[in-house]
Amino acid sequence: MGIYTIVNLFLIAIWWFTGGPRVIPWFIFILFGWGIGLASHLLSVYRGEGFIDKMAEREYEKLKKQED
């Protein structure tokens, strides 16, 4: 997330110093496109089968330790 912020701030700075408000804010297309990609990746990581299986295994291990 930090890289996303740094790169987009850099792109906004480029836009500002090469014309700023007089030019179409082209950085918005990159910002939204990359943001949609990050959001979909986040959802696939935390909503996928692998995440559910990993969390179930972690809970199973906790219960197993309590039993001993």
N, C-alpha and C. Protein backbone atom coordinates (compact mmCIF):
# COMPACT_ATOMS: atom_id res chain seq x y z
N MET A 1 0.83 -1.19 0.00
CA MET A 1 0.00 0.00 0.00
C MET A 1 0.87 1.26 0.00
N GLY A 2 2.02 1.18 0.64
CA GLY A 2 2.92 2.32 0.68
C GLY A 2 3.45 2.67 -0.71
N ILE A 3 3.81 1.65 -1.49
CA ILE A 3 4.31 1.87 -2.84
C ILE A 3 3.22 2.52 -3.69
N TYR A 4 2.00 2.06 -3.53
CA TYR A 4 0.86 2.62 -4.26
C TYR A 4 0.76 4.12 -3.99
N THR A 5 0.86 4.50 -2.74
CA THR A 5 0.76 5.90 -2.36
C THR A 5 1.92 6.72 -2.90
N ILE A 6 3.14 6.21 -2.74
CA ILE A 6 4.33 6.94 -3.20
C ILE A 6 4.30 7.14 -4.71
N VAL A 7 4.02 6.08 -5.45
CA VAL A 7 4.01 6.18 -6.91
C VAL A 7 2.91 7.14 -7.38
N ASN A 8 1.74 7.07 -6.79
CA ASN A 8 0.66 7.95 -7.22
C ASN A 8 0.93 9.40 -6.84
N LEU A 9 1.57 9.65 -5.70
CA LEU A 9 1.96 11.02 -5.37
C LEU A 9 2.99 11.54 -6.37
N PHE A 10 3.90 10.68 -6.79
CA PHE A 10 4.89 11.04 -7.79
C PHE A 10 4.21 11.38 -9.12
N LEU A 11 3.23 10.58 -9.53
CA LEU A 11 2.51 10.86 -10.77
C LEU A 11 1.71 12.16 -10.69
N ILE A 12 1.13 12.42 -9.53
CA ILE A 12 0.40 13.68 -9.34
C ILE A 12 1.36 14.85 -9.43
N ALA A 13 2.56 14.71 -8.85
CA ALA A 13 3.57 15.77 -8.93
C ALA A 13 3.99 16.01 -10.37
N ILE A 14 4.18 14.94 -11.14
CA ILE A 14 4.53 15.09 -12.55
C ILE A 14 3.43 15.86 -13.28
N TRP A 15 2.19 15.48 -13.04
CA TRP A 15 1.06 16.18 -13.66
C TRP A 15 1.06 17.65 -13.27
N TRP A 16 1.27 17.93 -12.00
CA TRP A 16 1.22 19.31 -11.52
C TRP A 16 2.31 20.18 -12.16
N PHE A 17 3.53 19.63 -12.24
CA PHE A 17 4.64 20.43 -12.77
C PHE A 17 4.69 20.47 -14.30
N THR A 18 3.88 19.67 -14.96
CA THR A 18 3.85 19.71 -16.43
C THR A 18 2.58 20.33 -16.98
N GLY A 19 1.88 21.06 -16.16
CA GLY A 19 0.69 21.75 -16.66
C GLY A 19 -0.38 21.91 -15.62
N GLY A 20 -0.43 21.02 -14.68
CA GLY A 20 -1.37 21.10 -13.58
C GLY A 20 -2.83 21.22 -14.00
N PRO A 21 -3.53 22.18 -13.41
CA PRO A 21 -4.97 22.32 -13.65
C PRO A 21 -5.35 22.63 -15.10
N ARG A 22 -4.41 23.08 -15.90
CA ARG A 22 -4.72 23.39 -17.30
C ARG A 22 -4.79 22.13 -18.16
N VAL A 23 -4.35 20.99 -17.62
CA VAL A 23 -4.28 19.74 -18.37
C VAL A 23 -5.24 18.73 -17.74
N ILE A 24 -5.77 17.84 -18.54
CA ILE A 24 -6.65 16.77 -18.02
C ILE A 24 -5.87 15.96 -16.98
N PRO A 25 -6.46 15.71 -15.81
CA PRO A 25 -5.75 14.94 -14.78
C PRO A 25 -5.65 13.45 -15.15
N TRP A 26 -4.69 13.13 -15.99
CA TRP A 26 -4.50 11.78 -16.51
C TRP A 26 -4.13 10.77 -15.43
N PHE A 27 -3.56 11.24 -14.34
CA PHE A 27 -3.14 10.33 -13.26
C PHE A 27 -4.33 9.60 -12.64
N ILE A 28 -5.53 10.16 -12.77
CA ILE A 28 -6.73 9.54 -12.17
C ILE A 28 -6.98 8.16 -12.75
N PHE A 29 -6.72 7.99 -14.05
CA PHE A 29 -6.95 6.69 -14.69
C PHE A 29 -6.02 5.63 -14.10
N ILE A 30 -4.78 6.00 -13.87
CA ILE A 30 -3.80 5.08 -13.27
C ILE A 30 -4.18 4.79 -11.83
N LEU A 31 -4.53 5.84 -11.10
CA LEU A 31 -4.89 5.71 -9.69
C LEU A 31 -6.06 4.75 -9.51
N PHE A 32 -7.13 4.94 -10.28
CA PHE A 32 -8.30 4.08 -10.15
C PHE A 32 -8.04 2.67 -10.67
N GLY A 33 -7.34 2.56 -11.78
CA GLY A 33 -7.05 1.24 -12.33
C GLY A 33 -6.23 0.39 -11.38
N TRP A 34 -5.18 0.98 -10.84
CA TRP A 34 -4.33 0.26 -9.91
C TRP A 34 -5.09 -0.02 -8.60
N GLY A 35 -5.93 0.93 -8.18
CA GLY A 35 -6.73 0.73 -6.96
C GLY A 35 -7.71 -0.41 -7.10
N ILE A 36 -8.33 -0.54 -8.26
CA ILE A 36 -9.24 -1.66 -8.50
C ILE A 36 -8.47 -2.97 -8.46
N GLY A 37 -7.28 -2.98 -9.04
CA GLY A 37 -6.44 -4.19 -9.00
C GLY A 37 -6.07 -4.57 -7.58
N LEU A 38 -5.68 -3.59 -6.77
CA LEU A 38 -5.34 -3.87 -5.37
C LEU A 38 -6.54 -4.38 -4.59
N ALA A 39 -7.69 -3.77 -4.82
CA ALA A 39 -8.91 -4.18 -4.11
C ALA A 39 -9.30 -5.61 -4.48
N SER A 40 -9.21 -5.95 -5.77
CA SER A 40 -9.56 -7.31 -6.17
C SER A 40 -8.57 -8.33 -5.62
N HIS A 41 -7.30 -7.95 -5.56
CA HIS A 41 -6.30 -8.85 -4.98
C HIS A 41 -6.58 -9.06 -3.49
N LEU A 42 -6.91 -7.98 -2.78
CA LEU A 42 -7.22 -8.07 -1.36
C LEU A 42 -8.40 -9.01 -1.13
N LEU A 43 -9.44 -8.87 -1.94
CA LEU A 43 -10.61 -9.74 -1.79
C LEU A 43 -10.27 -11.19 -2.08
N SER A 44 -9.44 -11.44 -3.09
CA SER A 44 -9.10 -12.82 -3.42
C SER A 44 -8.25 -13.46 -2.33
N VAL A 45 -7.43 -12.66 -1.66
CA VAL A 45 -6.59 -13.21 -0.60
C VAL A 45 -7.42 -13.53 0.64
N TYR A 46 -8.28 -12.61 1.06
CA TYR A 46 -9.01 -12.78 2.30
C TYR A 46 -10.38 -13.43 2.15
N ARG A 47 -10.81 -13.68 0.93
CA ARG A 47 -12.10 -14.35 0.73
C ARG A 47 -11.96 -15.71 0.05
N GLY A 48 -10.76 -16.07 -0.30
CA GLY A 48 -10.54 -17.31 -1.03
C GLY A 48 -10.55 -18.54 -0.14
N GLU A 49 -10.59 -19.70 -0.77
CA GLU A 49 -10.61 -20.97 -0.04
C GLU A 49 -9.34 -21.16 0.79
N GLY A 50 -8.20 -20.75 0.24
CA GLY A 50 -6.93 -20.93 0.95
C GLY A 50 -6.91 -20.21 2.28
N PHE A 51 -7.47 -19.01 2.33
CA PHE A 51 -7.50 -18.24 3.57
C PHE A 51 -8.38 -18.93 4.59
N ILE A 52 -9.53 -19.41 4.17
CA ILE A 52 -10.45 -20.09 5.08
C ILE A 52 -9.81 -21.36 5.64
N ASP A 53 -9.15 -22.13 4.77
CA ASP A 53 -8.49 -23.35 5.22
C ASP A 53 -7.37 -23.04 6.20
N LYS A 54 -6.60 -21.99 5.93
CA LYS A 54 -5.49 -21.62 6.81
C LYS A 54 -6.01 -21.19 8.18
N MET A 55 -7.10 -20.41 8.19
CA MET A 55 -7.66 -19.97 9.47
C MET A 55 -8.26 -21.15 10.25
N ALA A 56 -8.88 -22.08 9.55
CA ALA A 56 -9.43 -23.26 10.22
C ALA A 56 -8.31 -24.10 10.81
N GLU A 57 -7.22 -24.26 10.09
CA GLU A 57 -6.07 -25.02 10.59
C GLU A 57 -5.46 -24.34 11.80
N ARG A 58 -5.39 -23.03 11.79
CA ARG A 58 -4.84 -22.28 12.93
C ARG A 58 -5.72 -22.48 14.16
N GLU A 59 -7.03 -22.42 13.97
CA GLU A 59 -7.95 -22.62 15.09
C GLU A 59 -7.86 -24.04 15.62
N TYR A 60 -7.71 -25.01 14.72
CA TYR A 60 -7.57 -26.40 15.12
C TYR A 60 -6.32 -26.59 15.98
N GLU A 61 -5.24 -25.95 15.58
CA GLU A 61 -3.99 -26.06 16.35
C GLU A 61 -4.14 -25.44 17.73
N LYS A 62 -4.86 -24.32 17.84
CA LYS A 62 -5.10 -23.70 19.14
C LYS A 62 -5.87 -24.64 20.05
N LEU A 63 -6.93 -25.24 19.50
CA LEU A 63 -7.74 -26.15 20.30
C LEU A 63 -6.94 -27.38 20.71
N LYS A 64 -6.09 -27.85 19.84
CA LYS A 64 -5.26 -29.01 20.12
C LYS A 64 -4.29 -28.70 21.27
N LYS A 65 -3.72 -27.51 21.30
CA LYS A 65 -2.80 -27.11 22.36
C LYS A 65 -3.52 -26.99 23.70
N GLN A 66 -4.77 -26.51 23.69
CA GLN A 66 -5.54 -26.37 24.91
C GLN A 66 -5.86 -27.74 25.50
N GLU A 67 -6.00 -28.72 24.65
CA GLU A 67 -6.34 -30.06 25.07
C GLU A 67 -5.21 -30.72 25.85
N ASP A 68 -3.97 -30.41 25.42
CA ASP A 68 -2.79 -31.05 26.05
C ASP A 68 -2.50 -30.53 27.41
